[in-house]
N, C-alpha and C. Protein backbone atom coordinates (compact mmCIF):
# COMPACT_ATOMS: atom_id res chain seq x y z
N UNK A 1 7.21 2.69 -22.17
CA UNK A 1 5.44 2.37 -21.89
C UNK A 1 5.41 1.54 -21.09
N UNK A 2 6.26 0.83 -20.85
CA UNK A 2 5.60 -0.30 -19.57
C UNK A 2 5.55 0.48 -18.28
N UNK A 3 6.79 1.40 -17.97
CA UNK A 3 7.34 2.13 -17.15
C UNK A 3 6.52 3.15 -16.79
N UNK A 4 5.21 3.68 -17.50
CA UNK A 4 4.71 4.25 -18.20
C UNK A 4 3.15 4.08 -17.12
N UNK A 5 3.26 2.06 -17.64
CA UNK A 5 1.92 1.99 -17.30
C UNK A 5 2.41 1.31 -15.21
N UNK A 6 2.99 0.53 -15.64
CA UNK A 6 3.81 0.71 -13.77
C UNK A 6 3.84 2.11 -12.67
N UNK A 7 3.11 3.40 -13.15
CA UNK A 7 3.43 4.37 -12.25
C UNK A 7 1.33 4.25 -12.26
N UNK A 8 0.76 3.52 -13.67
CA UNK A 8 -0.43 4.59 -13.60
C UNK A 8 -0.98 3.44 -12.37
N UNK A 9 0.05 2.81 -13.02
CA UNK A 9 -1.15 1.15 -11.54
C UNK A 9 -0.71 1.68 -10.28
N UNK A 10 0.54 1.87 -9.73
CA UNK A 10 0.57 2.60 -9.00
C UNK A 10 -0.54 4.08 -8.11
N UNK A 11 -0.31 4.63 -8.91
CA UNK A 11 -1.51 5.78 -8.45
C UNK A 11 -2.83 5.80 -8.10
N UNK A 12 -3.12 4.76 -9.83
CA UNK A 12 -4.82 3.98 -8.90
C UNK A 12 -4.92 3.40 -8.00
N UNK A 13 -3.78 2.83 -7.19
CA UNK A 13 -3.23 1.86 -6.49
C UNK A 13 -3.16 2.66 -5.35
N UNK A 14 -3.00 3.79 -5.28
CA UNK A 14 -2.59 4.79 -3.19
C UNK A 14 -4.36 5.74 -3.90
N UNK A 15 -4.69 5.68 -4.94
CA UNK A 15 -6.08 6.32 -5.42
C UNK A 15 -6.94 5.48 -4.27
N UNK A 16 -6.77 4.06 -4.86
CA UNK A 16 -8.20 3.24 -3.69
C UNK A 16 -7.50 3.54 -2.37
N UNK A 17 -6.08 3.49 -2.03
CA UNK A 17 -5.99 3.20 -0.92
C UNK A 17 -6.34 3.99 -0.32
N UNK A 18 -7.07 5.58 -0.94
CA UNK A 18 -6.92 7.23 0.15
C UNK A 18 -8.94 7.08 0.16
N UNK A 19 -9.71 6.63 -0.77
CA UNK A 19 -11.13 6.90 -0.84
C UNK A 19 -11.56 4.89 -0.32
N UNK A 20 -10.62 4.49 0.73
CA UNK A 20 -11.72 3.18 1.71
C UNK A 20 -11.84 3.74 3.20
N UNK A 21 -11.63 3.19 3.68
CA UNK A 21 -12.23 3.63 5.06
C UNK A 21 -11.35 2.60 5.64
N UNK A 22 -9.99 2.88 6.27
CA UNK A 22 -9.17 1.60 6.79
C UNK A 22 -9.10 0.64 7.91
N UNK A 23 -10.80 2.17 8.65
CA UNK A 23 -10.40 0.93 9.82
C UNK A 23 -12.25 0.15 10.09
N UNK A 24 -12.48 0.50 8.23
CA UNK A 24 -14.06 -0.50 8.25
C UNK A 24 -13.21 -2.29 7.42
N UNK A 25 -13.76 -3.05 8.56
CA UNK A 25 -14.02 -4.56 7.70
C UNK A 25 -14.10 -4.53 5.92
N UNK A 26 -12.91 -5.34 5.90
CA UNK A 26 -11.96 -5.29 4.33
C UNK A 26 -13.51 -6.17 3.50
N UNK A 27 -13.07 -5.88 2.50
CA UNK A 27 -14.71 -6.69 1.14
C UNK A 27 -14.76 -7.81 0.47
N UNK A 28 -12.85 -7.82 0.43
CA UNK A 28 -11.83 -8.68 -0.32
C UNK A 28 -11.35 -8.85 -0.01
N UNK A 29 -10.30 -9.49 1.06
CA UNK A 29 -9.40 -9.60 0.99
C UNK A 29 -8.27 -10.75 0.34
N UNK A 30 -7.02 -10.08 -0.14
CA UNK A 30 -6.15 -10.63 -0.89
C UNK A 30 -5.07 -11.25 0.20
N UNK A 31 -4.86 -11.55 0.88
CA UNK A 31 -4.31 -12.59 1.73
C UNK A 31 -3.87 -13.56 1.31
N UNK A 32 -2.90 -13.60 0.37
CA UNK A 32 -2.40 -15.29 0.66
C UNK A 32 -2.54 -16.10 1.76
N UNK A 33 -1.34 -15.42 2.46
CA UNK A 33 -1.15 -15.99 3.74
C UNK A 33 -2.62 -16.41 4.59
N UNK A 34 -3.17 -15.51 4.99
CA UNK A 34 -4.43 -15.96 4.92
C UNK A 34 -5.95 -17.40 4.72
N UNK A 35 -5.67 -17.02 3.40
CA UNK A 35 -6.35 -18.36 2.06
C UNK A 35 -5.71 -19.46 2.63
N UNK A 36 -4.14 -19.42 3.36
CA UNK A 36 -3.40 -21.12 3.80
C UNK A 36 -4.20 -20.73 4.96
N UNK A 37 -4.00 -20.56 5.76
CA UNK A 37 -4.36 -21.21 7.18
C UNK A 37 -3.43 -20.28 8.09
N UNK A 38 -2.55 -19.49 7.60
CA UNK A 38 -1.71 -19.12 8.45
C UNK A 38 -2.14 -18.04 9.21
N UNK A 39 -1.47 -17.92 10.60
CA UNK A 39 -2.37 -16.72 11.62
C UNK A 39 -0.58 -15.25 10.81
N UNK A 40 -0.12 -15.53 11.22
CA UNK A 40 0.60 -14.57 11.29
C UNK A 40 2.06 -14.07 9.56
N UNK A 41 0.78 -13.17 9.25
CA UNK A 41 1.11 -12.51 7.56
C UNK A 41 2.04 -11.18 8.54
N UNK A 42 3.69 -11.23 7.23
CA UNK A 42 4.40 -10.00 7.57
C UNK A 42 3.62 -9.04 6.85
N UNK A 43 2.43 -9.51 5.98
CA UNK A 43 2.29 -7.77 5.35
C UNK A 43 1.23 -7.18 5.73
N UNK A 44 0.25 -8.25 6.37
CA UNK A 44 -1.44 -8.00 6.79
C UNK A 44 -0.94 -6.46 7.85
N UNK A 45 -2.20 -5.69 7.05
CA UNK A 45 -1.41 -3.51 7.86
C UNK A 45 -1.07 -3.26 6.87
N UNK A 46 -0.30 -3.29 5.95
CA UNK A 46 0.47 -2.02 5.11
C UNK A 46 -0.03 -1.30 4.71
N UNK A 47 -1.70 -2.69 3.93
CA UNK A 47 -2.59 -1.33 2.47
C UNK A 47 -2.78 -0.12 3.79
N UNK A 48 -3.89 -1.14 4.98
CA UNK A 48 -4.03 -0.07 6.20
C UNK A 48 -3.25 1.62 6.67
N UNK A 49 -2.62 0.60 6.91
CA UNK A 49 -1.11 1.10 7.25
C UNK A 49 -1.22 2.89 6.36
N UNK A 50 -1.10 1.93 4.81
CA UNK A 50 -0.76 3.74 4.08
C UNK A 50 -2.16 4.27 3.90
N UNK A 51 -3.04 3.51 3.98
CA UNK A 51 -4.13 4.05 4.00
C UNK A 51 -4.78 5.53 4.87
N UNK A 52 -3.86 4.66 6.44
CA UNK A 52 -3.64 6.26 7.53
C UNK A 52 -3.08 7.59 7.10
N UNK A 53 -1.83 6.46 6.45
CA UNK A 53 -1.18 7.78 6.21
C UNK A 53 -1.55 8.33 5.60
N UNK A 54 -2.40 8.34 3.67
CA UNK A 54 -2.94 9.14 3.35
C UNK A 54 -3.97 9.68 3.83
N UNK A 55 -5.04 9.18 4.87
CA UNK A 55 -5.64 10.56 5.98
C UNK A 55 -5.21 11.19 6.75
N UNK A 56 -4.44 11.10 6.58
CA UNK A 56 -2.99 12.16 7.86
C UNK A 56 -2.71 11.42 8.93
N UNK A 57 -3.29 9.93 9.21
CA UNK A 57 -3.06 10.02 10.52
C UNK A 57 -1.96 8.90 10.79
N UNK A 58 -0.55 9.56 11.00
CA UNK A 58 0.80 8.42 10.86
C UNK A 58 0.17 7.41 12.48
N UNK A 59 0.34 8.02 13.28
CA UNK A 59 0.18 6.94 15.12
C UNK A 59 -0.70 6.35 14.38
N UNK A 60 -1.83 5.87 13.50
CA UNK A 60 -2.29 4.94 13.47
C UNK A 60 -1.78 4.39 12.05
N UNK A 61 -1.21 4.43 11.48
CA UNK A 61 -0.65 4.33 9.98
C UNK A 61 0.63 3.24 10.83
N UNK A 62 1.22 3.59 11.90
CA UNK A 62 2.37 3.23 12.54
C UNK A 62 1.72 2.15 13.33
N UNK A 63 0.67 1.85 13.87
CA UNK A 63 0.27 0.85 14.80
C UNK A 63 -0.44 -0.35 13.66
N UNK A 64 -1.10 0.31 12.37
CA UNK A 64 -1.19 -0.73 11.59
C UNK A 64 -0.14 -1.79 11.41
N UNK A 65 1.22 -1.37 10.47
CA UNK A 65 2.54 -1.89 10.50
C UNK A 65 2.99 -0.73 9.92
N UNK A 66 4.21 -0.89 10.89
CA UNK A 66 5.30 -0.23 11.20
C UNK A 66 6.10 0.22 9.89
N UNK A 67 5.95 -0.93 8.79
CA UNK A 67 6.84 -0.32 8.10
C UNK A 67 5.69 1.00 6.47
N UNK A 68 4.34 0.78 6.85
CA UNK A 68 3.38 1.51 6.17
C UNK A 68 3.70 3.13 5.22
N UNK A 69 5.15 3.30 6.27
CA UNK A 69 5.52 5.12 5.97
C UNK A 69 6.59 4.48 4.39
N UNK A 70 7.55 3.11 4.60
CA UNK A 70 8.65 2.85 3.62
C UNK A 70 7.78 2.37 2.88
N UNK A 71 6.63 1.47 2.56
CA UNK A 71 6.51 1.33 1.52
C UNK A 71 5.34 2.47 1.23
N UNK A 72 5.25 3.29 1.36
CA UNK A 72 4.64 4.31 1.02
C UNK A 72 6.08 5.79 0.51
N UNK A 73 6.91 5.78 1.04
CA UNK A 73 8.04 6.56 0.29
C UNK A 73 8.44 5.56 -1.15
N UNK A 74 8.40 4.57 -0.79
CA UNK A 74 8.31 3.82 -1.71
C UNK A 74 7.62 3.47 -3.28
N UNK A 75 7.01 3.63 -3.02
CA UNK A 75 5.99 4.13 -4.39
C UNK A 75 6.16 5.47 -4.84
N UNK A 76 5.92 6.91 -3.44
CA UNK A 76 6.00 7.55 -4.35
C UNK A 76 6.96 7.69 -4.90
N UNK A 77 8.28 7.27 -4.61
CA UNK A 77 9.51 7.12 -6.17
C UNK A 77 9.49 6.55 -6.87
N UNK A 78 8.21 5.63 -7.37
CA UNK A 78 8.29 4.74 -7.81
C UNK A 78 7.74 5.13 -9.16
N UNK A 79 7.17 6.67 -8.81
CA UNK A 79 5.64 7.50 -9.61
C UNK A 79 6.30 8.46 -9.86
N UNK A 80 6.74 8.78 -8.20
CA UNK A 80 7.94 10.52 -8.85
C UNK A 80 9.42 9.83 -10.35
N UNK A 81 10.07 9.05 -10.05
CA UNK A 81 10.77 8.55 -10.48
C UNK A 81 10.65 9.09 -11.97
N UNK A 82 12.12 10.15 -12.55
CA UNK A 82 11.81 10.01 -13.67
C UNK A 82 12.61 9.22 -14.40
N UNK A 83 13.50 8.82 -14.02
CA UNK A 83 14.12 7.91 -14.54
C UNK A 83 13.62 6.34 -15.77
N UNK A 84 14.45 6.18 -16.75
CA UNK A 84 13.58 4.89 -17.48
C UNK A 84 14.09 3.80 -16.54
N UNK A 85 13.85 2.42 -15.99
CA UNK A 85 14.23 1.21 -16.03
C UNK A 85 15.44 0.83 -16.89
N UNK A 86 16.30 0.56 -15.97
CA UNK A 86 17.69 -0.58 -16.46
C UNK A 86 17.31 -1.72 -16.86
N UNK A 87 17.13 -2.17 -18.24
CA UNK A 87 16.62 -3.84 -18.91
C UNK A 87 17.81 -4.33 -18.86
């Protein structure tokens, strides 16, 4: 049951990224590093990069965050992996 909830979470997250405009200013910034006043966040741009990939803009995705294709592949793997997680 928990595995299905995780799949649903990731599907909703990808749909949310698909319907957002990655070049628009963020409405809500969830970056803990920025809230803490730190400048360099290793994850900033990852969501924008995945959104660009979902829109078919590979170059913009890499420019936003070089690891965005790997993040999308990992999320897709979590969604489509039919095996139950080990406990």
